[in-house]
Amino acid sequence: MASSSVPYIYIDDSEDEEPIVPAPPSSPSSPPPPIPSPPPYESQELWDAIERQDNLVHLVHDMRDEMINLIGRLEESENREEILAGRVEALEDLVASENEEQDEDEEEEPAPVAESDPESTIEDD
């Protein structure tokens, strides 16, 4: 099914027109009656409608381009989010492993013992 990109526009202004009186029968020697041209306002309305439609087509295309742009930016943002999330996770792992190493180092070092001189004693009076 093929569809036209330009819709058919029908303007009914029959209320504004004067009734058309049929022309008298023409004889073979007389020229046909002239075809009346449309009133100027009908032409202007048609041109205005065509111009509005053209503006709408441009607006739709601009909106489509903007949506494509925004989708691209969103995808880039999501990629950056994934990269940053990976970096945060790596930093958390690094901090956790450094904390574990620090805890292990503290466990290996003996606690400082208070040195006492065996010869010194506290004498009671």
PDB file of N, CA and C in Angstrom:
ATOM      1  N   MET A   1       0.847  -1.166   0.000  1.00  0.00           N
ATOM      2  CA  MET A   1       0.000   0.000   0.000  1.00  0.00           C
ATOM      3  C   MET A   1       0.892   1.227   0.000  1.00  0.00           C
ATOM      4  N   ALA A   2       0.770   2.038  -1.042  1.00  0.00           N
ATOM      5  CA  ALA A   2       1.580   3.240  -1.150  1.00  0.00           C
ATOM      6  C   ALA A   2       0.773   4.416  -0.618  1.00  0.00           C
ATOM      7  N   SER A   3       1.404   5.205   0.208  1.00  0.00           N
ATOM      8  CA  SER A   3       0.704   6.375   0.727  1.00  0.00           C
ATOM      9  C   SER A   3       1.468   7.616   0.321  1.00  0.00           C
ATOM     10  N   SER A   4       0.758   8.643   0.069  1.00  0.00           N
ATOM     11  CA  SER A   4       1.365   9.901  -0.327  1.00  0.00           C
ATOM     12  C   SER A   4       1.829  10.635   0.921  1.00  0.00           C
ATOM     13  N   SER A   5       2.957  11.319   0.812  1.00  0.00           N
ATOM     14  CA  SER A   5       3.437  12.062   1.973  1.00  0.00           C
ATOM     15  C   SER A   5       2.702  13.385   2.134  1.00  0.00           C
ATOM     16  N   VAL A   6       1.946  13.786   1.113  1.00  0.00           N
ATOM     17  CA  VAL A   6       1.170  15.026   1.200  1.00  0.00           C
ATOM     18  C   VAL A   6      -0.298  14.664   1.278  1.00  0.00           C
ATOM     19  N   PRO A   7      -0.961  14.971   2.384  1.00  0.00           N
ATOM     20  CA  PRO A   7      -2.373  14.604   2.504  1.00  0.00           C
ATOM     21  C   PRO A   7      -3.232  15.499   1.618  1.00  0.00           C
ATOM     22  N   TYR A   8      -4.359  14.969   1.217  1.00  0.00           N
ATOM     23  CA  TYR A   8      -5.310  15.703   0.405  1.00  0.00           C
ATOM     24  C   TYR A   8      -6.039  16.685   1.309  1.00  0.00           C
ATOM     25  N   ILE A   9      -6.082  17.921   0.899  1.00  0.00           N
ATOM     26  CA  ILE A   9      -6.748  18.956   1.690  1.00  0.00           C
ATOM     27  C   ILE A   9      -8.012  19.368   0.959  1.00  0.00           C
ATOM     28  N   TYR A  10      -9.141  19.269   1.630  1.00  0.00           N
ATOM     29  CA  TYR A  10     -10.423  19.657   1.054  1.00  0.00           C
ATOM     30  C   TYR A  10     -10.954  20.836   1.851  1.00  0.00           C
ATOM     31  N   ILE A  11     -11.196  21.913   1.161  1.00  0.00           N
ATOM     32  CA  ILE A  11     -11.736  23.107   1.815  1.00  0.00           C
ATOM     33  C   ILE A  11     -13.156  23.298   1.312  1.00  0.00           C
ATOM     34  N   ASP A  12     -14.107  23.213   2.220  1.00  0.00           N
ATOM     35  CA  ASP A  12     -15.509  23.373   1.860  1.00  0.00           C
ATOM     36  C   ASP A  12     -15.944  24.778   2.251  1.00  0.00           C
ATOM     37  N   ASP A  13     -16.099  25.600   1.263  1.00  0.00           N
ATOM     38  CA  ASP A  13     -16.571  26.949   1.546  1.00  0.00           C
ATOM     39  C   ASP A  13     -17.830  27.245   0.735  1.00  0.00           C
ATOM     40  N   SER A  14     -18.650  26.233   0.577  1.00  0.00           N
ATOM     41  CA  SER A  14     -19.856  26.360  -0.229  1.00  0.00           C
ATOM     42  C   SER A  14     -20.818  27.411   0.330  1.00  0.00           C
ATOM     43  N   GLU A  15     -20.723  27.693   1.609  1.00  0.00           N
ATOM     44  CA  GLU A  15     -21.603  28.689   2.206  1.00  0.00           C
ATOM     45  C   GLU A  15     -21.256  30.091   1.716  1.00  0.00           C
ATOM     46  N   ASP A  16     -19.989  30.302   1.361  1.00  0.00           N
ATOM     47  CA  ASP A  16     -19.538  31.627   0.963  1.00  0.00           C
ATOM     48  C   ASP A  16     -19.809  31.933  -0.511  1.00  0.00           C
ATOM     49  N   GLU A  17     -20.055  30.931  -1.309  1.00  0.00           N
ATOM     50  CA  GLU A  17     -20.213  31.134  -2.744  1.00  0.00           C
ATOM     51  C   GLU A  17     -21.655  31.455  -3.101  1.00  0.00           C
ATOM     52  N   GLU A  18     -21.787  32.217  -4.178  1.00  0.00           N
ATOM     53  CA  GLU A  18     -23.122  32.469  -4.720  1.00  0.00           C
ATOM     54  C   GLU A  18     -23.505  31.268  -5.567  1.00  0.00           C
ATOM     55  N   PRO A  19     -24.786  30.946  -5.634  1.00  0.00           N
ATOM     56  CA  PRO A  19     -25.170  29.784  -6.438  1.00  0.00           C
ATOM     57  C   PRO A  19     -24.768  29.987  -7.895  1.00  0.00           C
ATOM     58  N   ILE A  20     -24.305  28.905  -8.483  1.00  0.00           N
ATOM     59  CA  ILE A  20     -23.891  28.948  -9.878  1.00  0.00           C
ATOM     60  C   ILE A  20     -25.117  28.674 -10.737  1.00  0.00           C
ATOM     61  N   VAL A  21     -25.383  29.589 -11.655  1.00  0.00           N
ATOM     62  CA  VAL A  21     -26.529  29.434 -12.558  1.00  0.00           C
ATOM     63  C   VAL A  21     -26.014  28.728 -13.811  1.00  0.00           C
ATOM     64  N   PRO A  22     -26.684  27.631 -14.202  1.00  0.00           N
ATOM     65  CA  PRO A  22     -26.190  26.929 -15.391  1.00  0.00           C
ATOM     66  C   PRO A  22     -26.197  27.860 -16.607  1.00  0.00           C
ATOM     67  N   ALA A  23     -25.154  27.714 -17.422  1.00  0.00           N
ATOM     68  CA  ALA A  23     -25.041  28.567 -18.642  1.00  0.00           C
ATOM     69  C   ALA A  23     -26.078  28.122 -19.648  1.00  0.00           C
ATOM     70  N   PRO A  24     -26.536  29.036 -20.494  1.00  0.00           N
ATOM     71  CA  PRO A  24     -27.503  28.630 -21.522  1.00  0.00           C
ATOM     72  C   PRO A  24     -26.848  27.648 -22.486  1.00  0.00           C
ATOM     73  N   PRO A  25     -27.647  26.774 -23.059  1.00  0.00           N
ATOM     74  CA  PRO A  25     -27.056  25.800 -23.967  1.00  0.00           C
ATOM     75  C   PRO A  25     -26.280  26.522 -25.061  1.00  0.00           C
ATOM     76  N   SER A  26     -25.094  25.997 -25.320  1.00  0.00           N
ATOM     77  CA  SER A  26     -24.251  26.661 -26.307  1.00  0.00           C
ATOM     78  C   SER A  26     -24.521  26.095 -27.693  1.00  0.00           C
ATOM     79  N   SER A  27     -24.401  26.953 -28.627  1.00  0.00           N
ATOM     80  CA  SER A  27     -24.563  26.498 -30.006  1.00  0.00           C
ATOM     81  C   SER A  27     -23.198  26.084 -30.525  1.00  0.00           C
ATOM     82  N   PRO A  28     -23.163  25.292 -31.579  1.00  0.00           N
ATOM     83  CA  PRO A  28     -21.864  24.842 -32.074  1.00  0.00           C
ATOM     84  C   PRO A  28     -20.943  25.985 -32.456  1.00  0.00           C
ATOM     85  N   SER A  29     -21.468  27.134 -32.777  1.00  0.00           N
ATOM     86  CA  SER A  29     -20.611  28.229 -33.211  1.00  0.00           C
ATOM     87  C   SER A  29     -20.134  29.093 -32.043  1.00  0.00           C
ATOM     88  N   SER A  30     -20.766  28.996 -30.880  1.00  0.00           N
ATOM     89  CA  SER A  30     -20.361  29.840 -29.753  1.00  0.00           C
ATOM     90  C   SER A  30     -19.279  29.134 -28.932  1.00  0.00           C
ATOM     91  N   PRO A  31     -18.343  29.896 -28.408  1.00  0.00           N
ATOM     92  CA  PRO A  31     -17.292  29.271 -27.583  1.00  0.00           C
ATOM     93  C   PRO A  31     -17.888  28.807 -26.251  1.00  0.00           C
ATOM     94  N   PRO A  32     -17.251  27.818 -25.632  1.00  0.00           N
ATOM     95  CA  PRO A  32     -17.758  27.349 -24.337  1.00  0.00           C
ATOM     96  C   PRO A  32     -17.654  28.471 -23.318  1.00  0.00           C
ATOM     97  N   PRO A  33     -18.508  28.442 -22.304  1.00  0.00           N
ATOM     98  CA  PRO A  33     -18.443  29.505 -21.297  1.00  0.00           C
ATOM     99  C   PRO A  33     -17.119  29.421 -20.540  1.00  0.00           C
ATOM    100  N   PRO A  34     -16.586  30.541 -20.118  1.00  0.00           N
ATOM    101  CA  PRO A  34     -15.302  30.510 -19.397  1.00  0.00           C
ATOM    102  C   PRO A  34     -15.467  29.811 -18.046  1.00  0.00           C
ATOM    103  N   ILE A  35     -14.398  29.118 -17.641  1.00  0.00           N
ATOM    104  CA  ILE A  35     -14.394  28.443 -16.340  1.00  0.00           C
ATOM    105  C   ILE A  35     -14.011  29.486 -15.301  1.00  0.00           C
ATOM    106  N   PRO A  36     -14.846  29.664 -14.305  1.00  0.00           N
ATOM    107  CA  PRO A  36     -14.513  30.701 -13.316  1.00  0.00           C
ATOM    108  C   PRO A  36     -13.282  30.285 -12.506  1.00  0.00           C
ATOM    109  N   SER A  37     -12.414  31.248 -12.272  1.00  0.00           N
ATOM    110  CA  SER A  37     -11.220  30.961 -11.455  1.00  0.00           C
ATOM    111  C   SER A  37     -11.629  30.985  -9.988  1.00  0.00           C
ATOM    112  N   PRO A  38     -10.902  30.237  -9.186  1.00  0.00           N
ATOM    113  CA  PRO A  38     -11.268  30.222  -7.768  1.00  0.00           C
ATOM    114  C   PRO A  38     -11.064  31.598  -7.166  1.00  0.00           C
ATOM    115  N   PRO A  39     -11.864  31.927  -6.186  1.00  0.00           N
ATOM    116  CA  PRO A  39     -11.680  33.227  -5.533  1.00  0.00           C
ATOM    117  C   PRO A  39     -10.276  33.315  -4.939  1.00  0.00           C
ATOM    118  N   PRO A  40      -9.709  34.506  -4.878  1.00  0.00           N
ATOM    119  CA  PRO A  40      -8.323  34.658  -4.385  1.00  0.00           C
ATOM    120  C   PRO A  40      -8.123  34.117  -2.977  1.00  0.00           C
ATOM    121  N   TYR A  41      -9.121  34.265  -2.108  1.00  0.00           N
ATOM    122  CA  TYR A  41      -8.909  33.793  -0.733  1.00  0.00           C
ATOM    123  C   TYR A  41      -8.757  32.285  -0.674  1.00  0.00           C
ATOM    124  N   GLU A  42      -9.404  31.539  -1.598  1.00  0.00           N
ATOM    125  CA  GLU A  42      -9.226  30.079  -1.623  1.00  0.00           C
ATOM    126  C   GLU A  42      -7.793  29.728  -1.938  1.00  0.00           C
ATOM    127  N   SER A  43      -7.230  30.411  -2.911  1.00  0.00           N
ATOM    128  CA  SER A  43      -5.831  30.176  -3.268  1.00  0.00           C
ATOM    129  C   SER A  43      -4.926  30.491  -2.085  1.00  0.00           C
ATOM    130  N   GLN A  44      -5.183  31.604  -1.422  1.00  0.00           N
ATOM    131  CA  GLN A  44      -4.355  32.001  -0.291  1.00  0.00           C
ATOM    132  C   GLN A  44      -4.469  30.981   0.842  1.00  0.00           C
ATOM    133  N   GLU A  45      -5.669  30.491   1.117  1.00  0.00           N
ATOM    134  CA  GLU A  45      -5.843  29.475   2.166  1.00  0.00           C
ATOM    135  C   GLU A  45      -5.080  28.207   1.812  1.00  0.00           C
ATOM    136  N   LEU A  46      -5.122  27.831   0.552  1.00  0.00           N
ATOM    137  CA  LEU A  46      -4.397  26.631   0.115  1.00  0.00           C
ATOM    138  C   LEU A  46      -2.896  26.823   0.301  1.00  0.00           C
ATOM    139  N   TRP A  47      -2.384  27.992  -0.110  1.00  0.00           N
ATOM    140  CA  TRP A  47      -0.958  28.249   0.058  1.00  0.00           C
ATOM    141  C   TRP A  47      -0.586  28.280   1.537  1.00  0.00           C
ATOM    142  N   ASP A  48      -1.444  28.875   2.348  1.00  0.00           N
ATOM    143  CA  ASP A  48      -1.182  28.906   3.796  1.00  0.00           C
ATOM    144  C   ASP A  48      -1.152  27.500   4.375  1.00  0.00           C
ATOM    145  N   ALA A  49      -2.079  26.660   3.942  1.00  0.00           N
ATOM    146  CA  ALA A  49      -2.120  25.275   4.431  1.00  0.00           C
ATOM    147  C   ALA A  49      -0.875  24.519   3.998  1.00  0.00           C
ATOM    148  N   ILE A  50      -0.438  24.727   2.780  1.00  0.00           N
ATOM    149  CA  ILE A  50       0.774  24.060   2.284  1.00  0.00           C
ATOM    150  C   ILE A  50       1.984  24.541   3.075  1.00  0.00           C
ATOM    151  N   GLU A  51       2.041  25.829   3.355  1.00  0.00           N
ATOM    152  CA  GLU A  51       3.153  26.372   4.129  1.00  0.00           C
ATOM    153  C   GLU A  51       3.161  25.817   5.559  1.00  0.00           C
ATOM    154  N   ARG A  52       1.982  25.719   6.185  1.00  0.00           N
ATOM    155  CA  ARG A  52       1.901  25.136   7.540  1.00  0.00           C
ATOM    156  C   ARG A  52       2.356  23.684   7.530  1.00  0.00           C
ATOM    157  N   GLN A  53       1.928  22.961   6.492  1.00  0.00           N
ATOM    158  CA  GLN A  53       2.332  21.557   6.403  1.00  0.00           C
ATOM    159  C   GLN A  53       3.849  21.451   6.239  1.00  0.00           C
ATOM    160  N   ASP A  54       4.423  22.303   5.411  1.00  0.00           N
ATOM    161  CA  ASP A  54       5.872  22.299   5.212  1.00  0.00           C
ATOM    162  C   ASP A  54       6.592  22.609   6.524  1.00  0.00           C
ATOM    163  N   ASN A  55       6.079  23.587   7.269  1.00  0.00           N
ATOM    164  CA  ASN A  55       6.667  23.916   8.570  1.00  0.00           C
ATOM    165  C   ASN A  55       6.583  22.734   9.530  1.00  0.00           C
ATOM    166  N   LEU A  56       5.446  22.044   9.519  1.00  0.00           N
ATOM    167  CA  LEU A  56       5.294  20.873  10.392  1.00  0.00           C
ATOM    168  C   LEU A  56       6.261  19.758  10.006  1.00  0.00           C
ATOM    169  N   VAL A  57       6.454  19.560   8.706  1.00  0.00           N
ATOM    170  CA  VAL A  57       7.397  18.530   8.250  1.00  0.00           C
ATOM    171  C   VAL A  57       8.794  18.858   8.745  1.00  0.00           C
ATOM    172  N   HIS A  58       9.198  20.128   8.634  1.00  0.00           N
ATOM    173  CA  HIS A  58      10.527  20.533   9.125  1.00  0.00           C
ATOM    174  C   HIS A  58      10.621  20.359  10.640  1.00  0.00           C
ATOM    175  N   LEU A  59       9.561  20.709  11.341  1.00  0.00           N
ATOM    176  CA  LEU A  59       9.553  20.552  12.789  1.00  0.00           C
ATOM    177  C   LEU A  59       9.703  19.087  13.193  1.00  0.00           C
ATOM    178  N   VAL A  60       8.989  18.209  12.515  1.00  0.00           N
ATOM    179  CA  VAL A  60       9.081  16.771  12.814  1.00  0.00           C
ATOM    180  C   VAL A  60      10.491  16.265  12.546  1.00  0.00           C
ATOM    181  N   HIS A  61      11.090  16.689  11.437  1.00  0.00           N
ATOM    182  CA  HIS A  61      12.459  16.258  11.126  1.00  0.00           C
ATOM    183  C   HIS A  61      13.445  16.785  12.170  1.00  0.00           C
ATOM    184  N   ASP A  62      13.275  18.042  12.582  1.00  0.00           N
ATOM    185  CA  ASP A  62      14.150  18.605  13.613  1.00  0.00           C
ATOM    186  C   ASP A  62      14.000  17.853  14.932  1.00  0.00           C
ATOM    187  N   MET A  63      12.755  17.522  15.286  1.00  0.00           N
ATOM    188  CA  MET A  63      12.523  16.769  16.529  1.00  0.00           C
ATOM    189  C   MET A  63      13.160  15.382  16.439  1.00  0.00           C
ATOM    190  N   ARG A  64      13.047  14.745  15.283  1.00  0.00           N
ATOM    191  CA  ARG A  64      13.657  13.422  15.088  1.00  0.00           C
ATOM    192  C   ARG A  64      15.177  13.516  15.258  1.00  0.00           C
ATOM    193  N   ASP A  65      15.798  14.536  14.632  1.00  0.00           N
ATOM    194  CA  ASP A  65      17.243  14.711  14.752  1.00  0.00           C
ATOM    195  C   ASP A  65      17.642  14.959  16.209  1.00  0.00           C
ATOM    196  N   GLU A  66      16.853  15.749  16.923  1.00  0.00           N
ATOM    197  CA  GLU A  66      17.154  16.027  18.323  1.00  0.00           C
ATOM    198  C   GLU A  66      17.027  14.763  19.170  1.00  0.00           C
ATOM    199  N   MET A  67      16.020  13.941  18.879  1.00  0.00           N
ATOM    200  CA  MET A  67      15.863  12.677  19.620  1.00  0.00           C
ATOM    201  C   MET A  67      17.059  11.766  19.367  1.00  0.00           C
ATOM    202  N   ILE A  68      17.514  11.699  18.127  1.00  0.00           N
ATOM    203  CA  ILE A  68      18.687  10.878  17.807  1.00  0.00           C
ATOM    204  C   ILE A  68      19.895  11.396  18.569  1.00  0.00           C
ATOM    205  N   ASN A  69      20.057  12.713  18.618  1.00  0.00           N
ATOM    206  CA  ASN A  69      21.164  13.320  19.351  1.00  0.00           C
ATOM    207  C   ASN A  69      21.081  12.980  20.838  1.00  0.00           C
ATOM    208  N   LEU A  70      19.884  13.121  21.422  1.00  0.00           N
ATOM    209  CA  LEU A  70      19.722  12.842  22.852  1.00  0.00           C
ATOM    210  C   LEU A  70      19.953  11.363  23.166  1.00  0.00           C
ATOM    211  N   ILE A  71      19.506  10.479  22.277  1.00  0.00           N
ATOM    212  CA  ILE A  71      19.728   9.045  22.492  1.00  0.00           C
ATOM    213  C   ILE A  71      21.220   8.751  22.467  1.00  0.00           C
ATOM    214  N   GLY A  72      21.942   9.369  21.542  1.00  0.00           N
ATOM    215  CA  GLY A  72      23.395   9.192  21.481  1.00  0.00           C
ATOM    216  C   GLY A  72      24.076   9.670  22.742  1.00  0.00           C
ATOM    217  N   ARG A  73      23.647  10.841  23.227  1.00  0.00           N
ATOM    218  CA  ARG A  73      24.232  11.353  24.466  1.00  0.00           C
ATOM    219  C   ARG A  73      23.919  10.447  25.647  1.00  0.00           C
ATOM    220  N   LEU A  74      22.700   9.898  25.693  1.00  0.00           N
ATOM    221  CA  LEU A  74      22.315   8.989  26.767  1.00  0.00           C
ATOM    222  C   LEU A  74      23.176   7.730  26.739  1.00  0.00           C
ATOM    223  N   GLU A  75      23.392   7.186  25.544  1.00  0.00           N
ATOM    224  CA  GLU A  75      24.230   5.989  25.431  1.00  0.00           C
ATOM    225  C   GLU A  75      25.659   6.281  25.881  1.00  0.00           C
ATOM    226  N   GLU A  76      26.199   7.458  25.493  1.00  0.00           N
ATOM    227  CA  GLU A  76      27.538   7.832  25.938  1.00  0.00           C
ATOM    228  C   GLU A  76      27.576   7.961  27.461  1.00  0.00           C
ATOM    229  N   SER A  77      26.536   8.530  28.027  1.00  0.00           N
ATOM    230  CA  SER A  77      26.465   8.694  29.476  1.00  0.00           C
ATOM    231  C   SER A  77      26.421   7.339  30.178  1.00  0.00           C
ATOM    232  N   GLU A  78      25.629   6.416  29.608  1.00  0.00           N
ATOM    233  CA  GLU A  78      25.563   5.079  30.199  1.00  0.00           C
ATOM    234  C   GLU A  78      26.911   4.389  30.117  1.00  0.00           C
ATOM    235  N   ASN A  79      27.639   4.574  29.011  1.00  0.00           N
ATOM    236  CA  ASN A  79      28.977   3.985  28.886  1.00  0.00           C
ATOM    237  C   ASN A  79      29.908   4.581  29.935  1.00  0.00           C
ATOM    238  N   ARG A  80      29.848   5.909  30.113  1.00  0.00           N
ATOM    239  CA  ARG A  80      30.693   6.536  31.139  1.00  0.00           C
ATOM    240  C   ARG A  80      30.326   6.021  32.517  1.00  0.00           C
ATOM    241  N   GLU A  81      29.026   5.826  32.760  1.00  0.00           N
ATOM    242  CA  GLU A  81      28.581   5.315  34.059  1.00  0.00           C
ATOM    243  C   GLU A  81      29.175   3.928  34.316  1.00  0.00           C
ATOM    244  N   GLU A  82      29.159   3.074  33.290  1.00  0.00           N
ATOM    245  CA  GLU A  82      29.715   1.732  33.448  1.00  0.00           C
ATOM    246  C   GLU A  82      31.213   1.795  33.727  1.00  0.00           C
ATOM    247  N   ILE A  83      31.920   2.678  33.013  1.00  0.00           N
ATOM    248  CA  ILE A  83      33.357   2.822  33.227  1.00  0.00           C
ATOM    249  C   ILE A  83      33.633   3.309  34.643  1.00  0.00           C
ATOM    250  N   LEU A  84      32.889   4.334  35.076  1.00  0.00           N
ATOM    251  CA  LEU A  84      33.095   4.872  36.422  1.00  0.00           C
ATOM    252  C   LEU A  84      32.728   3.850  37.494  1.00  0.00           C
ATOM    253  N   ALA A  85      31.670   3.089  37.266  1.00  0.00           N
ATOM    254  CA  ALA A  85      31.291   2.058  38.239  1.00  0.00           C
ATOM    255  C   ALA A  85      32.403   1.023  38.355  1.00  0.00           C
ATOM    256  N   GLY A  86      33.018   0.674  37.227  1.00  0.00           N
ATOM    257  CA  GLY A  86      34.142  -0.263  37.250  1.00  0.00           C
ATOM    258  C   GLY A  86      35.318   0.306  38.019  1.00  0.00           C
ATOM    259  N   ARG A  87      35.576   1.592  37.837  1.00  0.00           N
ATOM    260  CA  ARG A  87      36.690   2.228  38.559  1.00  0.00           C
ATOM    261  C   ARG A  87      36.416   2.279  40.059  1.00  0.00           C
ATOM    262  N   VAL A  88      35.173   2.604  40.431  1.00  0.00           N
ATOM    263  CA  VAL A  88      34.818   2.648  41.851  1.00  0.00           C
ATOM    264  C   VAL A  88      34.995   1.266  42.471  1.00  0.00           C
ATOM    265  N   GLU A  89      34.535   0.234  41.757  1.00  0.00           N
ATOM    266  CA  GLU A  89      34.670  -1.131  42.271  1.00  0.00           C
ATOM    267  C   GLU A  89      36.143  -1.498  42.436  1.00  0.00           C
ATOM    268  N   ALA A  90      36.979  -1.118  41.463  1.00  0.00           N
ATOM    269  CA  ALA A  90      38.416  -1.417  41.556  1.00  0.00           C
ATOM    270  C   ALA A  90      39.036  -0.687  42.748  1.00  0.00           C
ATOM    271  N   LEU A  91      38.642   0.560  42.960  1.00  0.00           N
ATOM    272  CA  LEU A  91      39.169   1.300  44.109  1.00  0.00           C
ATOM    273  C   LEU A  91      38.706   0.688  45.431  1.00  0.00           C
ATOM    274  N   GLU A  92      37.450   0.260  45.483  1.00  0.00           N
ATOM    275  CA  GLU A  92      36.956  -0.383  46.709  1.00  0.00           C
ATOM    276  C   GLU A  92      37.738  -1.665  46.983  1.00  0.00           C
ATOM    277  N   ASP A  93      38.003  -2.446  45.939  1.00  0.00           N
ATOM    278  CA  ASP A  93      38.791  -3.670  46.105  1.00  0.00           C
ATOM    279  C   ASP A  93      40.199  -3.341  46.581  1.00  0.00           C
ATOM    280  N   LEU A  94      40.803  -2.287  46.014  1.00  0.00           N
ATOM    281  CA  LEU A  94      42.151  -1.885  46.403  1.00  0.00           C
ATOM    282  C   LEU A  94      42.186  -1.465  47.866  1.00  0.00           C
ATOM    283  N   VAL A  95      41.214  -0.660  48.282  1.00  0.00           N
ATOM    284  CA  VAL A  95      41.157  -0.218  49.680  1.00  0.00           C
ATOM    285  C   VAL A  95      40.952  -1.419  50.600  1.00  0.00           C
ATOM    286  N   ALA A  96      40.081  -2.334  50.209  1.00  0.00           N
ATOM    287  CA  ALA A  96      39.830  -3.521  51.046  1.00  0.00           C
ATOM    288  C   ALA A  96      41.085  -4.366  51.164  1.00  0.00           C
ATOM    289  N   SER A  97      41.816  -4.564  50.070  1.00  0.00           N
ATOM    290  CA  SER A  97      43.033  -5.391  50.150  1.00  0.00           C
ATOM    291  C   SER A  97      44.113  -4.690  50.969  1.00  0.00           C
ATOM    292  N   GLU A  98      44.215  -3.350  50.853  1.00  0.00           N
ATOM    293  CA  GLU A  98      45.192  -2.630  51.674  1.00  0.00           C
ATOM    294  C   GLU A  98      44.831  -2.721  53.153  1.00  0.00           C
ATOM    295  N   ASN A  99      43.525  -2.660  53.451  1.00  0.00           N
ATOM    296  CA  ASN A  99      43.092  -2.792  54.847  1.00  0.00           C
ATOM    297  C   ASN A  99      43.417  -4.183  55.374  1.00  0.00           C
ATOM    298  N   GLU A 100      43.234  -5.211  54.553  1.00  0.00           N
ATOM    299  CA  GLU A 100      43.560  -6.578  54.967  1.00  0.00           C
ATOM    300  C   GLU A 100      45.055  -6.714  55.220  1.00  0.00           C
ATOM    301  N   GLU A 101      45.866  -6.142  54.330  1.00  0.00           N
ATOM    302  CA  GLU A 101      47.325  -6.204  54.527  1.00  0.00           C
ATOM    303  C   GLU A 101      47.726  -5.482  55.802  1.00  0.00           C
ATOM    304  N   GLN A 102      47.115  -4.348  56.049  1.00  0.00           N
ATOM    305  CA  GLN A 102      47.433  -3.588  57.255  1.00  0.00           C
ATOM    306  C   GLN A 102      47.029  -4.380  58.495  1.00  0.00           C
ATOM    307  N   ASP A 103      45.870  -5.047  58.457  1.00  0.00           N
ATOM    308  CA  ASP A 103      45.436  -5.870  59.586  1.00  0.00           C
ATOM    309  C   ASP A 103      46.405  -7.031  59.807  1.00  0.00           C
ATOM    310  N   GLU A 104      46.867  -7.650  58.710  1.00  0.00           N
ATOM    311  CA  GLU A 104      47.807  -8.762  58.840  1.00  0.00           C
ATOM    312  C   GLU A 104      49.125  -8.283  59.423  1.00  0.00           C
ATOM    313  N   ASP A 105      49.616  -7.115  58.991  1.00  0.00           N
ATOM    314  CA  ASP A 105      50.868  -6.573  59.518  1.00  0.00           C
ATOM    315  C   ASP A 105      50.748  -6.296  61.008  1.00  0.00           C
ATOM    316  N   GLU A 106      49.596  -5.793  61.432  1.00  0.00           N
ATOM    317  CA  GLU A 106      49.404  -5.511  62.856  1.00  0.00           C
ATOM    318  C   GLU A 106      49.377  -6.800  63.661  1.00  0.00           C
ATOM    319  N   GLU A 107      48.852  -7.881  63.099  1.00  0.00           N
ATOM    320  CA  GLU A 107      48.799  -9.156  63.819  1.00  0.00           C
ATOM    321  C   GLU A 107      50.180  -9.775  63.937  1.00  0.00           C
ATOM    322  N   GLU A 108      51.034  -9.592  62.948  1.00  0.00           N
ATOM    323  CA  GLU A 108      52.364 -10.194  62.967  1.00  0.00           C
ATOM    324  C   GLU A 108      53.286  -9.503  63.947  1.00  0.00           C
ATOM    325  N   GLU A 109      53.166  -8.208  64.137  1.00  0.00           N
ATOM    326  CA  GLU A 109      54.029  -7.482  65.063  1.00  0.00           C
ATOM    327  C   GLU A 109      53.613  -7.821  66.489  1.00  0.00           C
ATOM    328  N   PRO A 110      54.592  -8.225  67.309  1.00  0.00           N
ATOM    329  CA  PRO A 110      54.232  -8.502  68.700  1.00  0.00           C
ATOM    330  C   PRO A 110      53.877  -7.203  69.413  1.00  0.00           C
ATOM    331  N   ALA A 111      52.986  -7.341  70.328  1.00  0.00           N
ATOM    332  CA  ALA A 111      52.574  -6.171  71.093  1.00  0.00           C
ATOM    333  C   ALA A 111      53.748  -5.731  71.944  1.00  0.00           C
ATOM    334  N   PRO A 112      53.989  -4.475  72.074  1.00  0.00           N
ATOM    335  CA  PRO A 112      55.127  -4.019  72.892  1.00  0.00           C
ATOM    336  C   PRO A 112      54.920  -4.427  74.353  1.00  0.00           C
ATOM    337  N   VAL A 113      55.977  -5.003  74.890  1.00  0.00           N
ATOM    338  CA  VAL A 113      55.933  -5.479  76.273  1.00  0.00           C
ATOM    339  C   VAL A 113      56.605  -4.423  77.147  1.00  0.00           C
ATOM    340  N   ALA A 114      56.004  -4.169  78.267  1.00  0.00           N
ATOM    341  CA  ALA A 114      56.597  -3.195  79.180  1.00  0.00           C
ATOM    342  C   ALA A 114      57.856  -3.821  79.767  1.00  0.00           C
ATOM    343  N   GLU A 115      58.932  -3.107  79.577  1.00  0.00           N
ATOM    344  CA  GLU A 115      60.195  -3.647  80.104  1.00  0.00           C
ATOM    345  C   GLU A 115      60.258  -3.371  81.613  1.00  0.00           C
ATOM    346  N   SER A 116      60.654  -4.415  82.297  1.00  0.00           N
ATOM    347  CA  SER A 116      60.796  -4.230  83.741  1.00  0.00           C
ATOM    348  C   SER A 116      62.183  -4.724  84.152  1.00  0.00           C
ATOM    349  N   ASP A 117      62.703  -4.076  85.086  1.00  0.00           N
ATOM    350  CA  ASP A 117      64.017  -4.449  85.595  1.00  0.00           C
ATOM    351  C   ASP A 117      63.796  -5.431  86.738  1.00  0.00           C
ATOM    352  N   PRO A 118      64.259  -6.656  86.545  1.00  0.00           N
ATOM    353  CA  PRO A 118      64.001  -7.643  87.593  1.00  0.00           C
ATOM    354  C   PRO A 118      64.595  -7.246  88.945  1.00  0.00           C
ATOM    355  N   GLU A 119      65.592  -6.456  88.936  1.00  0.00           N
ATOM    356  CA  GLU A 119      66.214  -6.097  90.200  1.00  0.00           C
ATOM    357  C   GLU A 119      65.452  -4.990  90.904  1.00  0.00           C
ATOM    358  N   SER A 120      64.696  -4.258  90.141  1.00  0.00           N
ATOM    359  CA  SER A 120      63.966  -3.190  90.804  1.00  0.00           C
ATOM    360  C   SER A 120      62.651  -3.740  91.289  1.00  0.00           C
ATOM    361  N   THR A 121      62.370  -3.471  92.464  1.00  0.00           N
ATOM    362  CA  THR A 121      61.126  -3.925  93.054  1.00  0.00           C
ATOM    363  C   THR A 121      60.532  -2.762  93.836  1.00  0.00           C
ATOM    364  N   ILE A 122      59.314  -2.914  94.059  1.00  0.00           N
ATOM    365  CA  ILE A 122      58.661  -1.892  94.855  1.00  0.00           C
ATOM    366  C   ILE A 122      58.732  -2.357  96.297  1.00  0.00           C
ATOM    367  N   GLU A 123      59.262  -1.504  97.099  1.00  0.00           N
ATOM    368  CA  GLU A 123      59.404  -1.868  98.501  1.00  0.00           C
ATOM    369  C   GLU A 123      58.277  -1.254  99.289  1.00  0.00           C
ATOM    370  N   ASP A 124      57.739  -2.065 100.150  1.00  0.00           N
ATOM    371  CA  ASP A 124      56.681  -1.570 100.998  1.00  0.00           C
ATOM    372  C   ASP A 124      57.294  -1.054 102.276  1.00  0.00           C
ATOM    373  N   ASP A 125      56.810  -0.014 102.792  1.00  0.00           N
ATOM    374  CA  ASP A 125      57.303   0.497 104.050  1.00  0.00           C
ATOM    375  C   ASP A 125      56.559  -0.029 105.193  1.00  0.00           C
TER     376      ASP A 125
END
